[in-house]
């Protein structure tokens, strides 16, 4: 409490502390208000950023070659999800797609090279085989072709021609043995017997025939 003095009332230490506290509160009020305003502005900016991100996701449209009958919906959706997660622009997301297209093309080239290498390997194994290769190659191919003509579907013939599996020594061995058994039993038609072995090789094993000419 204030005490009397010769000059009037004198403030006590408690009164001074209370006055100082009130003064500090008055001074800190603007700072607190400013902090609250800054926090509110930050929240608005965050909401705006989220809205922009959502809008960017909707705008992702990728440009890449599309094959008829191939479903690319999963690729597109997963790429969009990745672009959204990384916060990429449309241009940056398109670069990911361009890279994937390039990698796929390079992979297809490598696979094609491997297939051609395997075709050559099979043809060499067939020519070197004691049963169906060497001097027996033409007759073995003729017998195999007879079986294909009689029992093979157009789809199967196309498959072994395009895949190169028609050069496989074990397939030729199997078909040749069946063809010989058919001939021994009198099942082979005269037209098949008169067909030249070179023509047979050209029709059934185009890659092998090309190698024989080189």
N, C-alpha and C. Protein backbone atom coordinates (compact mmCIF):
# COMPACT_ATOMS: atom_id res chain seq x y z
N UNK A 1 0.83 -1.19 0.00
CA UNK A 1 0.00 0.00 0.00
C UNK A 1 0.86 1.23 0.00
N UNK A 2 0.37 2.39 -0.52
CA UNK A 2 1.15 3.61 -0.49
C UNK A 2 1.27 4.10 0.94
N UNK A 3 2.38 4.72 1.23
CA UNK A 3 2.63 5.28 2.57
C UNK A 3 2.74 6.78 2.47
N UNK A 4 2.41 7.41 3.62
CA UNK A 4 2.48 8.88 3.64
C UNK A 4 3.90 9.33 3.86
N UNK A 5 4.23 10.38 3.24
CA UNK A 5 5.54 11.02 3.43
C UNK A 5 5.32 12.49 3.55
N UNK A 6 6.38 13.21 3.76
CA UNK A 6 6.25 14.66 3.91
C UNK A 6 5.73 15.31 2.66
N UNK A 7 5.96 14.68 1.50
CA UNK A 7 5.50 15.27 0.25
C UNK A 7 4.23 14.69 -0.24
N UNK A 8 3.61 13.72 0.46
CA UNK A 8 2.38 13.09 0.00
C UNK A 8 2.50 11.58 0.05
N UNK A 9 1.69 10.89 -0.78
CA UNK A 9 1.70 9.43 -0.78
C UNK A 9 2.91 8.94 -1.55
N UNK A 10 3.51 7.91 -1.04
CA UNK A 10 4.70 7.31 -1.68
C UNK A 10 4.37 5.88 -2.10
N UNK A 11 4.67 5.50 -3.41
CA UNK A 11 4.37 4.16 -3.93
C UNK A 11 5.24 3.12 -3.29
N UNK A 12 4.64 1.97 -3.03
CA UNK A 12 5.40 0.85 -2.46
C UNK A 12 6.04 0.05 -3.59
N UNK A 13 6.98 -0.86 -3.32
CA UNK A 13 7.58 -1.74 -4.35
C UNK A 13 6.54 -2.58 -5.07
N UNK A 14 5.51 -3.03 -4.38
CA UNK A 14 4.46 -3.85 -5.03
C UNK A 14 3.74 -3.05 -6.06
N UNK A 15 3.47 -1.77 -5.74
CA UNK A 15 2.79 -0.93 -6.72
C UNK A 15 3.64 -0.72 -7.95
N UNK A 16 4.91 -0.58 -7.79
CA UNK A 16 5.82 -0.38 -8.93
C UNK A 16 5.86 -1.61 -9.82
N UNK A 17 5.88 -2.81 -9.23
CA UNK A 17 5.90 -4.05 -10.02
C UNK A 17 4.62 -4.21 -10.83
N UNK A 18 3.50 -3.83 -10.23
CA UNK A 18 2.22 -3.95 -10.94
C UNK A 18 2.17 -3.01 -12.12
N UNK A 19 2.70 -1.82 -11.90
CA UNK A 19 2.71 -0.84 -12.99
C UNK A 19 3.62 -1.30 -14.13
N UNK A 20 4.75 -1.87 -13.79
CA UNK A 20 5.68 -2.37 -14.82
C UNK A 20 5.06 -3.50 -15.62
N UNK A 21 4.33 -4.39 -14.93
CA UNK A 21 3.69 -5.52 -15.62
C UNK A 21 2.64 -5.03 -16.59
N UNK A 22 1.86 -4.04 -16.17
CA UNK A 22 0.83 -3.50 -17.05
C UNK A 22 1.45 -2.83 -18.26
N UNK A 23 2.56 -2.15 -18.05
CA UNK A 23 3.25 -1.49 -19.16
C UNK A 23 3.78 -2.51 -20.16
N UNK A 24 4.34 -3.62 -19.65
CA UNK A 24 4.88 -4.66 -20.54
C UNK A 24 3.76 -5.31 -21.35
N UNK A 25 2.62 -5.54 -20.70
CA UNK A 25 1.49 -6.13 -21.41
C UNK A 25 1.00 -5.22 -22.51
N UNK A 26 0.99 -3.93 -22.23
CA UNK A 26 0.56 -2.97 -23.24
C UNK A 26 1.52 -2.94 -24.42
N UNK A 27 2.80 -3.10 -24.12
CA UNK A 27 3.79 -3.08 -25.21
C UNK A 27 3.78 -4.37 -26.03
N UNK A 28 3.48 -5.50 -25.39
CA UNK A 28 3.52 -6.80 -26.10
C UNK A 28 2.25 -7.06 -26.90
N UNK A 29 1.18 -6.35 -26.64
CA UNK A 29 -0.08 -6.59 -27.33
C UNK A 29 0.04 -6.43 -28.84
N UNK A 30 0.66 -5.36 -29.35
CA UNK A 30 0.82 -5.24 -30.81
C UNK A 30 1.63 -6.38 -31.41
N UNK A 31 2.67 -6.82 -30.70
CA UNK A 31 3.51 -7.91 -31.21
C UNK A 31 2.71 -9.20 -31.31
N UNK A 32 1.88 -9.49 -30.30
CA UNK A 32 1.05 -10.70 -30.33
C UNK A 32 0.04 -10.63 -31.47
N UNK A 33 -0.53 -9.44 -31.65
CA UNK A 33 -1.50 -9.28 -32.73
C UNK A 33 -0.85 -9.49 -34.08
N UNK A 34 0.37 -9.00 -34.24
CA UNK A 34 1.10 -9.17 -35.50
C UNK A 34 1.44 -10.64 -35.74
N UNK A 35 1.81 -11.35 -34.66
CA UNK A 35 2.12 -12.78 -34.79
C UNK A 35 0.89 -13.56 -35.23
N UNK A 36 -0.27 -13.19 -34.65
CA UNK A 36 -1.51 -13.87 -35.03
C UNK A 36 -1.85 -13.61 -36.50
N UNK A 37 -1.63 -12.39 -36.95
CA UNK A 37 -1.90 -12.05 -38.34
C UNK A 37 -0.96 -12.82 -39.29
N UNK A 38 0.31 -12.93 -38.87
CA UNK A 38 1.28 -13.67 -39.69
C UNK A 38 0.90 -15.13 -39.80
N UNK A 39 0.45 -15.72 -38.69
CA UNK A 39 0.04 -17.13 -38.71
C UNK A 39 -1.17 -17.32 -39.61
N UNK A 40 -2.10 -16.39 -39.55
CA UNK A 40 -3.28 -16.49 -40.41
C UNK A 40 -2.91 -16.38 -41.89
N UNK A 41 -1.98 -15.47 -42.19
CA UNK A 41 -1.53 -15.32 -43.57
C UNK A 41 -0.82 -16.56 -44.07
N UNK A 42 -0.01 -17.18 -43.20
CA UNK A 42 0.69 -18.41 -43.57
C UNK A 42 -0.31 -19.52 -43.88
N UNK A 43 -1.38 -19.60 -43.06
CA UNK A 43 -2.40 -20.60 -43.33
C UNK A 43 -3.09 -20.39 -44.65
N UNK A 44 -3.37 -19.12 -44.98
CA UNK A 44 -3.98 -18.81 -46.27
C UNK A 44 -3.06 -19.18 -47.42
N UNK A 45 -1.76 -18.91 -47.25
CA UNK A 45 -0.80 -19.26 -48.30
C UNK A 45 -0.72 -20.77 -48.50
N UNK A 46 -0.78 -21.52 -47.38
CA UNK A 46 -0.73 -22.98 -47.48
C UNK A 46 -1.95 -23.51 -48.21
N UNK A 47 -3.12 -22.95 -47.87
CA UNK A 47 -4.34 -23.38 -48.55
C UNK A 47 -4.28 -23.06 -50.04
N UNK A 48 -3.74 -21.89 -50.36
CA UNK A 48 -3.61 -21.51 -51.77
C UNK A 48 -2.65 -22.45 -52.49
N UNK A 49 -1.57 -22.83 -51.79
CA UNK A 49 -0.62 -23.75 -52.39
C UNK A 49 -1.23 -25.11 -52.66
N UNK A 50 -2.04 -25.59 -51.71
CA UNK A 50 -2.72 -26.87 -51.92
C UNK A 50 -3.69 -26.80 -53.08
N UNK A 51 -4.39 -25.68 -53.18
CA UNK A 51 -5.33 -25.52 -54.29
C UNK A 51 -4.60 -25.51 -55.62
N UNK A 52 -3.43 -24.85 -55.65
CA UNK A 52 -2.64 -24.83 -56.89
C UNK A 52 -2.14 -26.22 -57.26
N UNK A 53 -1.76 -26.98 -56.23
CA UNK A 53 -1.27 -28.34 -56.49
C UNK A 53 -2.37 -29.21 -57.07
N UNK A 54 -3.58 -29.06 -56.50
CA UNK A 54 -4.70 -29.84 -57.01
C UNK A 54 -5.02 -29.45 -58.45
N UNK A 55 -4.96 -28.16 -58.73
CA UNK A 55 -5.22 -27.70 -60.09
C UNK A 55 -4.16 -28.22 -61.05
N UNK A 56 -2.91 -28.27 -60.58
CA UNK A 56 -1.82 -28.76 -61.43
C UNK A 56 -2.02 -30.24 -61.75
N UNK A 57 -2.50 -31.02 -60.78
CA UNK A 57 -2.74 -32.45 -61.02
C UNK A 57 -3.78 -32.64 -62.12
N UNK A 58 -4.82 -31.86 -62.10
CA UNK A 58 -5.87 -31.97 -63.10
C UNK A 58 -5.33 -31.63 -64.49
N UNK A 59 -4.37 -30.73 -64.54
CA UNK A 59 -3.84 -30.26 -65.82
C UNK A 59 -2.77 -31.17 -66.42
N UNK A 60 -2.34 -32.26 -65.70
CA UNK A 60 -1.32 -33.15 -66.26
C UNK A 60 -1.90 -33.88 -67.47
N UNK A 61 -1.37 -33.58 -68.63
CA UNK A 61 -1.74 -34.28 -69.87
C UNK A 61 -0.44 -34.68 -70.56
N UNK A 62 -0.22 -35.98 -70.69
CA UNK A 62 1.05 -36.48 -71.21
C UNK A 62 0.96 -36.76 -72.70
N UNK A 63 2.02 -36.45 -73.38
CA UNK A 63 2.12 -36.67 -74.82
C UNK A 63 3.13 -37.79 -75.08
N UNK A 64 2.66 -38.93 -75.58
CA UNK A 64 3.55 -40.04 -75.91
C UNK A 64 2.83 -40.96 -76.89
N UNK A 65 3.58 -41.76 -77.67
CA UNK A 65 2.96 -42.66 -78.65
C UNK A 65 2.05 -43.68 -77.96
N UNK A 66 0.90 -43.89 -78.54
CA UNK A 66 -0.07 -44.83 -77.98
C UNK A 66 -0.38 -45.92 -79.01
N UNK A 67 -0.21 -47.16 -78.58
CA UNK A 67 -0.48 -48.30 -79.45
C UNK A 67 -1.94 -48.72 -79.31
N UNK A 68 -2.54 -49.04 -80.44
CA UNK A 68 -3.93 -49.46 -80.44
C UNK A 68 -4.11 -50.74 -79.64
N UNK A 69 -5.08 -50.73 -78.76
CA UNK A 69 -5.36 -51.91 -77.96
C UNK A 69 -4.54 -52.03 -76.70
N UNK A 70 -3.64 -51.08 -76.44
CA UNK A 70 -2.78 -51.12 -75.26
C UNK A 70 -3.34 -50.16 -74.21
N UNK A 71 -3.64 -50.67 -73.03
CA UNK A 71 -4.19 -49.85 -71.95
C UNK A 71 -3.06 -49.15 -71.21
N UNK A 72 -3.05 -47.83 -71.26
CA UNK A 72 -1.98 -47.05 -70.61
C UNK A 72 -2.52 -46.27 -69.41
N UNK A 73 -3.73 -46.59 -68.98
CA UNK A 73 -4.35 -45.83 -67.90
C UNK A 73 -3.55 -45.95 -66.60
N UNK A 74 -3.04 -47.14 -66.30
CA UNK A 74 -2.27 -47.31 -65.07
C UNK A 74 -0.98 -46.50 -65.12
N UNK A 75 -0.32 -46.52 -66.27
CA UNK A 75 0.92 -45.74 -66.40
C UNK A 75 0.65 -44.25 -66.20
N UNK A 76 -0.41 -43.77 -66.81
CA UNK A 76 -0.74 -42.34 -66.70
C UNK A 76 -1.08 -41.97 -65.26
N UNK A 77 -1.91 -42.77 -64.60
CA UNK A 77 -2.33 -42.44 -63.24
C UNK A 77 -1.15 -42.50 -62.26
N UNK A 78 -0.28 -43.50 -62.41
CA UNK A 78 0.87 -43.61 -61.52
C UNK A 78 1.87 -42.49 -61.76
N UNK A 79 2.04 -42.08 -63.00
CA UNK A 79 2.95 -40.98 -63.30
C UNK A 79 2.40 -39.66 -62.78
N UNK A 80 1.10 -39.46 -62.88
CA UNK A 80 0.48 -38.26 -62.33
C UNK A 80 0.64 -38.22 -60.82
N UNK A 81 0.46 -39.36 -60.17
CA UNK A 81 0.62 -39.42 -58.72
C UNK A 81 2.05 -39.08 -58.31
N UNK A 82 3.03 -39.59 -59.06
CA UNK A 82 4.43 -39.29 -58.76
C UNK A 82 4.72 -37.81 -58.98
N UNK A 83 4.20 -37.25 -60.07
CA UNK A 83 4.43 -35.83 -60.35
C UNK A 83 3.82 -34.96 -59.26
N UNK A 84 2.64 -35.34 -58.78
CA UNK A 84 2.00 -34.59 -57.70
C UNK A 84 2.81 -34.69 -56.42
N UNK A 85 3.28 -35.89 -56.11
CA UNK A 85 4.06 -36.09 -54.89
C UNK A 85 5.34 -35.26 -54.89
N UNK A 86 5.97 -35.16 -56.06
CA UNK A 86 7.21 -34.41 -56.17
C UNK A 86 6.98 -32.93 -56.42
N UNK A 87 5.73 -32.55 -56.63
CA UNK A 87 5.43 -31.16 -56.89
C UNK A 87 5.98 -30.66 -58.22
N UNK A 88 5.92 -31.51 -59.24
CA UNK A 88 6.50 -31.17 -60.54
C UNK A 88 5.55 -30.32 -61.37
N UNK A 89 6.14 -29.51 -62.21
CA UNK A 89 5.36 -28.77 -63.19
C UNK A 89 4.96 -29.72 -64.32
N UNK A 90 4.07 -29.26 -65.19
CA UNK A 90 3.66 -30.09 -66.33
C UNK A 90 4.85 -30.40 -67.22
N UNK A 91 5.74 -29.44 -67.39
CA UNK A 91 6.90 -29.64 -68.26
C UNK A 91 7.84 -30.69 -67.66
N UNK A 92 8.07 -30.60 -66.35
CA UNK A 92 8.96 -31.57 -65.70
C UNK A 92 8.36 -32.97 -65.73
N UNK A 93 7.04 -33.06 -65.54
CA UNK A 93 6.38 -34.37 -65.60
C UNK A 93 6.48 -34.97 -67.00
N UNK A 94 6.36 -34.14 -68.03
CA UNK A 94 6.47 -34.62 -69.40
C UNK A 94 7.86 -35.18 -69.67
N UNK A 95 8.88 -34.59 -69.04
CA UNK A 95 10.25 -35.10 -69.22
C UNK A 95 10.37 -36.52 -68.68
N UNK A 96 9.66 -36.82 -67.60
CA UNK A 96 9.66 -38.19 -67.08
C UNK A 96 9.06 -39.14 -68.12
N UNK A 97 7.95 -38.72 -68.72
CA UNK A 97 7.31 -39.56 -69.74
C UNK A 97 8.23 -39.73 -70.94
N UNK A 98 8.87 -38.66 -71.38
CA UNK A 98 9.79 -38.74 -72.52
C UNK A 98 10.93 -39.71 -72.24
N UNK A 99 11.44 -39.67 -71.01
CA UNK A 99 12.51 -40.59 -70.64
C UNK A 99 12.03 -42.03 -70.67
N UNK A 100 10.82 -42.28 -70.17
CA UNK A 100 10.28 -43.63 -70.16
C UNK A 100 10.08 -44.16 -71.59
N UNK A 101 9.60 -43.30 -72.48
CA UNK A 101 9.42 -43.69 -73.88
C UNK A 101 10.75 -44.05 -74.51
N UNK A 102 11.77 -43.25 -74.24
CA UNK A 102 13.09 -43.52 -74.80
C UNK A 102 13.66 -44.83 -74.26
N UNK A 103 13.50 -45.04 -72.96
CA UNK A 103 14.01 -46.28 -72.36
C UNK A 103 13.30 -47.50 -72.92
N UNK A 104 11.99 -47.38 -73.18
CA UNK A 104 11.25 -48.50 -73.75
C UNK A 104 11.75 -48.81 -75.16
N UNK A 105 11.97 -47.76 -75.96
CA UNK A 105 12.46 -47.97 -77.33
C UNK A 105 13.83 -48.65 -77.32
N UNK A 106 14.69 -48.19 -76.43
CA UNK A 106 16.01 -48.81 -76.33
C UNK A 106 15.91 -50.26 -75.86
N UNK A 107 14.98 -50.52 -74.95
CA UNK A 107 14.79 -51.90 -74.48
C UNK A 107 14.29 -52.81 -75.59
N UNK A 108 13.38 -52.30 -76.42
CA UNK A 108 12.87 -53.10 -77.53
C UNK A 108 13.97 -53.41 -78.54
N UNK A 109 14.87 -52.45 -78.76
CA UNK A 109 16.00 -52.70 -79.68
C UNK A 109 16.91 -53.78 -79.13
N UNK A 110 17.16 -53.73 -77.82
CA UNK A 110 18.02 -54.75 -77.21
C UNK A 110 17.38 -56.14 -77.30
N UNK A 111 16.05 -56.18 -77.06
CA UNK A 111 15.35 -57.46 -77.15
C UNK A 111 15.39 -58.01 -78.57
N UNK A 112 15.18 -57.12 -79.55
CA UNK A 112 15.23 -57.55 -80.95
C UNK A 112 16.60 -58.11 -81.31
N UNK A 113 17.66 -57.47 -80.82
CA UNK A 113 19.02 -57.94 -81.08
C UNK A 113 19.24 -59.31 -80.45
N UNK A 114 18.70 -59.50 -79.25
CA UNK A 114 18.84 -60.80 -78.57
C UNK A 114 18.10 -61.89 -79.34
N UNK A 115 16.91 -61.55 -79.85
CA UNK A 115 16.12 -62.53 -80.62
C UNK A 115 16.87 -62.93 -81.89
N UNK A 116 17.42 -61.95 -82.60
CA UNK A 116 18.17 -62.25 -83.82
C UNK A 116 19.39 -63.11 -83.53
N UNK A 117 20.04 -62.82 -82.42
CA UNK A 117 21.20 -63.62 -82.03
C UNK A 117 20.79 -65.06 -81.73
N UNK A 118 19.64 -65.22 -81.08
CA UNK A 118 19.17 -66.57 -80.77
C UNK A 118 18.77 -67.32 -82.04
N UNK A 119 18.14 -66.61 -82.99
CA UNK A 119 17.80 -67.24 -84.26
C UNK A 119 19.04 -67.80 -84.94
N UNK A 120 20.08 -66.99 -84.97
CA UNK A 120 21.33 -67.43 -85.61
C UNK A 120 21.92 -68.63 -84.88
N UNK A 121 21.87 -68.60 -83.56
CA UNK A 121 22.41 -69.70 -82.76
C UNK A 121 21.65 -70.99 -83.03
N UNK A 122 20.32 -70.90 -83.08
CA UNK A 122 19.51 -72.09 -83.36
C UNK A 122 19.81 -72.64 -84.75
N UNK A 123 19.93 -71.76 -85.74
CA UNK A 123 20.21 -72.20 -87.10
C UNK A 123 21.54 -72.92 -87.18
N UNK A 124 22.54 -72.39 -86.49
CA UNK A 124 23.86 -73.03 -86.49
C UNK A 124 23.80 -74.39 -85.83
N UNK A 125 23.07 -74.50 -84.73
CA UNK A 125 22.91 -75.78 -84.05
C UNK A 125 22.21 -76.80 -84.94
N UNK A 126 21.21 -76.33 -85.70
CA UNK A 126 20.48 -77.23 -86.59
C UNK A 126 21.37 -77.74 -87.71
N UNK A 127 22.13 -76.85 -88.32
CA UNK A 127 23.01 -77.27 -89.43
C UNK A 127 24.10 -78.22 -88.95
N UNK A 128 24.51 -78.07 -87.68
CA UNK A 128 25.58 -78.93 -87.16
C UNK A 128 25.06 -80.24 -86.56
N UNK A 129 23.76 -80.39 -86.45
CA UNK A 129 23.19 -81.57 -85.81
C UNK A 129 23.40 -82.80 -86.69
N UNK A 130 23.71 -83.93 -86.06
CA UNK A 130 23.99 -85.15 -86.81
C UNK A 130 22.73 -85.74 -87.45
N UNK A 131 21.60 -85.54 -86.80
CA UNK A 131 20.37 -86.16 -87.31
C UNK A 131 19.69 -85.31 -88.38
N UNK A 132 19.55 -84.01 -88.14
CA UNK A 132 18.78 -83.18 -89.07
C UNK A 132 19.64 -82.15 -89.79
N UNK A 133 20.92 -82.09 -89.48
CA UNK A 133 21.80 -81.12 -90.11
C UNK A 133 22.65 -81.73 -91.21
N UNK A 134 23.62 -80.94 -91.69
CA UNK A 134 24.54 -81.43 -92.71
C UNK A 134 23.81 -81.85 -93.97
N UNK A 135 24.12 -83.04 -94.47
CA UNK A 135 23.49 -83.55 -95.69
C UNK A 135 22.02 -83.91 -95.47
N UNK A 136 21.62 -84.05 -94.23
CA UNK A 136 20.23 -84.41 -93.93
C UNK A 136 19.33 -83.19 -93.76
N UNK A 137 19.89 -81.99 -93.86
CA UNK A 137 19.14 -80.78 -93.56
C UNK A 137 17.94 -80.61 -94.49
N UNK A 138 18.16 -80.74 -95.79
CA UNK A 138 17.07 -80.50 -96.75
C UNK A 138 15.92 -81.48 -96.55
N UNK A 139 16.25 -82.76 -96.38
CA UNK A 139 15.19 -83.75 -96.22
C UNK A 139 14.48 -83.57 -94.88
N UNK A 140 15.23 -83.18 -93.85
CA UNK A 140 14.62 -82.97 -92.54
C UNK A 140 13.66 -81.79 -92.59
N UNK A 141 14.07 -80.71 -93.26
CA UNK A 141 13.19 -79.56 -93.39
C UNK A 141 11.96 -79.90 -94.22
N UNK A 142 12.14 -80.74 -95.26
CA UNK A 142 11.01 -81.16 -96.08
C UNK A 142 9.99 -81.94 -95.28
N UNK A 143 10.48 -82.88 -94.45
CA UNK A 143 9.57 -83.68 -93.62
C UNK A 143 8.87 -82.80 -92.59
N UNK A 144 9.59 -81.85 -92.02
CA UNK A 144 9.00 -80.96 -91.03
C UNK A 144 7.93 -80.08 -91.67
N UNK A 145 8.22 -79.61 -92.89
CA UNK A 145 7.26 -78.76 -93.57
C UNK A 145 5.98 -79.52 -93.90
N UNK A 146 6.10 -80.79 -94.22
CA UNK A 146 4.94 -81.62 -94.52
C UNK A 146 4.00 -81.68 -93.32
N UNK A 147 4.58 -81.82 -92.13
CA UNK A 147 3.78 -81.88 -90.91
C UNK A 147 3.07 -80.55 -90.68
N UNK A 148 3.80 -79.45 -90.89
CA UNK A 148 3.19 -78.13 -90.72
C UNK A 148 2.04 -77.91 -91.69
N UNK A 149 2.25 -78.31 -92.93
CA UNK A 149 1.20 -78.12 -93.93
C UNK A 149 -0.06 -78.91 -93.57
N UNK A 150 0.13 -80.07 -92.98
CA UNK A 150 -1.00 -80.95 -92.71
C UNK A 150 -1.72 -80.58 -91.41
N UNK A 151 -0.95 -80.19 -90.39
CA UNK A 151 -1.54 -80.00 -89.06
C UNK A 151 -1.37 -78.59 -88.48
N UNK A 152 -0.46 -77.83 -89.00
CA UNK A 152 -0.19 -76.52 -88.41
C UNK A 152 -1.22 -75.47 -88.81
N UNK A 153 -1.61 -74.65 -87.86
CA UNK A 153 -2.53 -73.55 -88.16
C UNK A 153 -1.74 -72.36 -88.71
N UNK A 154 -2.39 -71.46 -89.43
CA UNK A 154 -1.69 -70.27 -89.91
C UNK A 154 -1.09 -69.45 -88.78
N UNK A 155 -1.77 -69.42 -87.63
CA UNK A 155 -1.26 -68.67 -86.49
C UNK A 155 0.04 -69.28 -85.97
N UNK A 156 0.09 -70.62 -85.91
CA UNK A 156 1.30 -71.29 -85.43
C UNK A 156 2.46 -71.08 -86.39
N UNK A 157 2.19 -71.18 -87.69
CA UNK A 157 3.24 -70.97 -88.68
C UNK A 157 3.79 -69.55 -88.59
N UNK A 158 2.90 -68.59 -88.41
CA UNK A 158 3.33 -67.20 -88.29
C UNK A 158 4.17 -67.01 -87.04
N UNK A 159 3.77 -67.64 -85.96
CA UNK A 159 4.47 -67.49 -84.69
C UNK A 159 5.90 -68.02 -84.76
N UNK A 160 6.08 -69.21 -85.31
CA UNK A 160 7.43 -69.78 -85.35
C UNK A 160 8.31 -69.06 -86.37
N UNK A 161 7.68 -68.45 -87.38
CA UNK A 161 8.46 -67.70 -88.36
C UNK A 161 8.93 -66.38 -87.78
N UNK A 162 8.02 -65.65 -87.12
CA UNK A 162 8.38 -64.33 -86.59
C UNK A 162 9.29 -64.44 -85.37
N UNK A 163 9.09 -65.45 -84.56
CA UNK A 163 9.91 -65.61 -83.35
C UNK A 163 11.26 -66.22 -83.64
N UNK A 164 11.40 -66.86 -84.82
CA UNK A 164 12.65 -67.54 -85.14
C UNK A 164 12.72 -68.94 -84.57
N UNK A 165 11.66 -69.36 -83.86
CA UNK A 165 11.70 -70.68 -83.26
C UNK A 165 11.65 -71.79 -84.31
N UNK A 166 11.32 -71.43 -85.54
CA UNK A 166 11.37 -72.42 -86.61
C UNK A 166 12.78 -72.90 -86.89
N UNK A 167 13.79 -72.18 -86.38
CA UNK A 167 15.18 -72.60 -86.53
C UNK A 167 15.62 -73.55 -85.42
N UNK A 168 14.79 -73.73 -84.40
CA UNK A 168 15.19 -74.53 -83.25
C UNK A 168 15.37 -75.99 -83.64
N UNK A 169 16.51 -76.53 -83.31
CA UNK A 169 16.86 -77.88 -83.73
C UNK A 169 15.91 -78.92 -83.17
N UNK A 170 15.43 -78.73 -81.95
CA UNK A 170 14.56 -79.72 -81.35
C UNK A 170 13.17 -79.70 -81.99
N UNK A 171 12.69 -78.53 -82.36
CA UNK A 171 11.41 -78.46 -83.07
C UNK A 171 11.53 -79.12 -84.44
N UNK A 172 12.61 -78.82 -85.14
CA UNK A 172 12.83 -79.43 -86.46
C UNK A 172 12.96 -80.95 -86.33
N UNK A 173 13.67 -81.40 -85.29
CA UNK A 173 13.83 -82.83 -85.08
C UNK A 173 12.48 -83.50 -84.85
N UNK A 174 11.65 -82.91 -84.02
CA UNK A 174 10.33 -83.47 -83.72
C UNK A 174 9.47 -83.55 -84.97
N UNK A 175 9.36 -82.42 -85.69
CA UNK A 175 8.52 -82.39 -86.89
C UNK A 175 9.06 -83.30 -87.98
N UNK A 176 10.39 -83.37 -88.08
CA UNK A 176 11.00 -84.23 -89.10
C UNK A 176 10.70 -85.70 -88.83
N UNK A 177 10.79 -86.11 -87.57
CA UNK A 177 10.51 -87.50 -87.24
C UNK A 177 9.04 -87.85 -87.51
N UNK A 178 8.15 -86.92 -87.18
CA UNK A 178 6.73 -87.14 -87.46
C UNK A 178 6.51 -87.24 -88.97
N UNK A 179 7.17 -86.36 -89.72
CA UNK A 179 7.02 -86.39 -91.17
C UNK A 179 7.53 -87.69 -91.78
N UNK A 180 8.64 -88.17 -91.29
CA UNK A 180 9.18 -89.43 -91.80
C UNK A 180 8.24 -90.59 -91.47
N UNK A 181 7.66 -90.56 -90.26
CA UNK A 181 6.72 -91.62 -89.89
C UNK A 181 5.48 -91.57 -90.78
N UNK A 182 5.04 -90.38 -91.11
CA UNK A 182 3.90 -90.24 -92.01
C UNK A 182 4.23 -90.78 -93.40
N UNK A 183 5.44 -90.53 -93.85
CA UNK A 183 5.85 -91.00 -95.17
C UNK A 183 5.92 -92.53 -95.21
N UNK A 184 6.45 -93.10 -94.14
CA UNK A 184 6.55 -94.55 -94.08
C UNK A 184 5.17 -95.21 -94.06
N UNK A 185 4.21 -94.51 -93.49
CA UNK A 185 2.85 -95.04 -93.43
C UNK A 185 2.02 -94.66 -94.64
N UNK A 186 2.61 -93.93 -95.57
CA UNK A 186 1.92 -93.59 -96.80
C UNK A 186 0.99 -92.40 -96.68
N UNK A 187 1.24 -91.52 -95.67
CA UNK A 187 0.35 -90.38 -95.47
C UNK A 187 0.80 -89.12 -96.20
N UNK A 188 1.96 -89.15 -96.78
CA UNK A 188 2.50 -87.95 -97.41
C UNK A 188 1.95 -87.83 -98.82
N UNK A 189 1.45 -86.67 -99.18
CA UNK A 189 0.89 -86.45 -100.50
C UNK A 189 2.01 -86.25 -101.51
N UNK A 190 1.71 -86.59 -102.76
CA UNK A 190 2.71 -86.47 -103.81
C UNK A 190 3.16 -85.02 -103.99
N UNK A 191 2.25 -84.08 -103.78
CA UNK A 191 2.62 -82.67 -103.95
C UNK A 191 3.70 -82.27 -102.96
N UNK A 192 3.58 -82.74 -101.74
CA UNK A 192 4.58 -82.43 -100.73
C UNK A 192 5.90 -83.07 -101.07
N UNK A 193 5.89 -84.28 -101.63
CA UNK A 193 7.13 -84.97 -101.94
C UNK A 193 7.87 -84.28 -103.08
N UNK A 194 7.15 -83.66 -104.02
CA UNK A 194 7.80 -83.06 -105.17
C UNK A 194 8.29 -81.64 -104.90
N UNK A 195 7.94 -81.05 -103.78
CA UNK A 195 8.35 -79.68 -103.47
C UNK A 195 9.85 -79.64 -103.20
N UNK A 196 10.54 -78.66 -103.76
CA UNK A 196 11.99 -78.57 -103.58
C UNK A 196 12.33 -78.23 -102.15
N UNK A 197 13.44 -78.76 -101.64
CA UNK A 197 13.84 -78.50 -100.27
C UNK A 197 14.22 -77.04 -100.08
N UNK A 198 14.76 -76.38 -101.11
CA UNK A 198 15.12 -74.97 -100.99
C UNK A 198 13.86 -74.13 -100.77
N UNK A 199 12.81 -74.45 -101.51
CA UNK A 199 11.57 -73.71 -101.34
C UNK A 199 11.02 -73.94 -99.94
N UNK A 200 11.13 -75.15 -99.44
CA UNK A 200 10.64 -75.46 -98.10
C UNK A 200 11.39 -74.64 -97.06
N UNK A 201 12.70 -74.57 -97.20
CA UNK A 201 13.50 -73.80 -96.25
C UNK A 201 13.13 -72.33 -96.31
N UNK A 202 12.88 -71.82 -97.50
CA UNK A 202 12.52 -70.41 -97.64
C UNK A 202 11.19 -70.12 -96.95
N UNK A 203 10.24 -71.04 -97.04
CA UNK A 203 8.92 -70.80 -96.48
C UNK A 203 8.88 -70.98 -94.97
N UNK A 204 9.55 -72.01 -94.49
CA UNK A 204 9.45 -72.34 -93.07
C UNK A 204 10.50 -71.64 -92.23
N UNK A 205 11.69 -71.51 -92.77
CA UNK A 205 12.80 -70.97 -92.00
C UNK A 205 13.49 -69.88 -92.81
N UNK A 206 12.87 -68.72 -92.99
CA UNK A 206 13.44 -67.67 -93.84
C UNK A 206 14.79 -67.18 -93.35
N UNK A 207 14.98 -67.09 -92.03
CA UNK A 207 16.27 -66.62 -91.53
C UNK A 207 17.37 -67.64 -91.80
N UNK A 208 17.05 -68.93 -91.69
CA UNK A 208 18.05 -69.95 -91.96
C UNK A 208 18.40 -70.00 -93.43
N UNK A 209 17.40 -69.83 -94.30
CA UNK A 209 17.65 -69.83 -95.73
C UNK A 209 18.53 -68.66 -96.14
N UNK A 210 18.32 -67.51 -95.52
CA UNK A 210 19.13 -66.34 -95.83
C UNK A 210 20.58 -66.56 -95.41
N UNK A 211 20.78 -67.24 -94.29
CA UNK A 211 22.14 -67.53 -93.83
C UNK A 211 22.84 -68.52 -94.75
N UNK A 212 22.07 -69.47 -95.33
CA UNK A 212 22.67 -70.44 -96.23
C UNK A 212 23.14 -69.78 -97.51
N UNK A 213 22.44 -68.72 -97.92
CA UNK A 213 22.83 -68.03 -99.15
C UNK A 213 24.06 -67.18 -98.97
N UNK A 214 24.30 -66.70 -97.71
CA UNK A 214 25.44 -65.81 -97.45
C UNK A 214 26.74 -66.59 -97.33
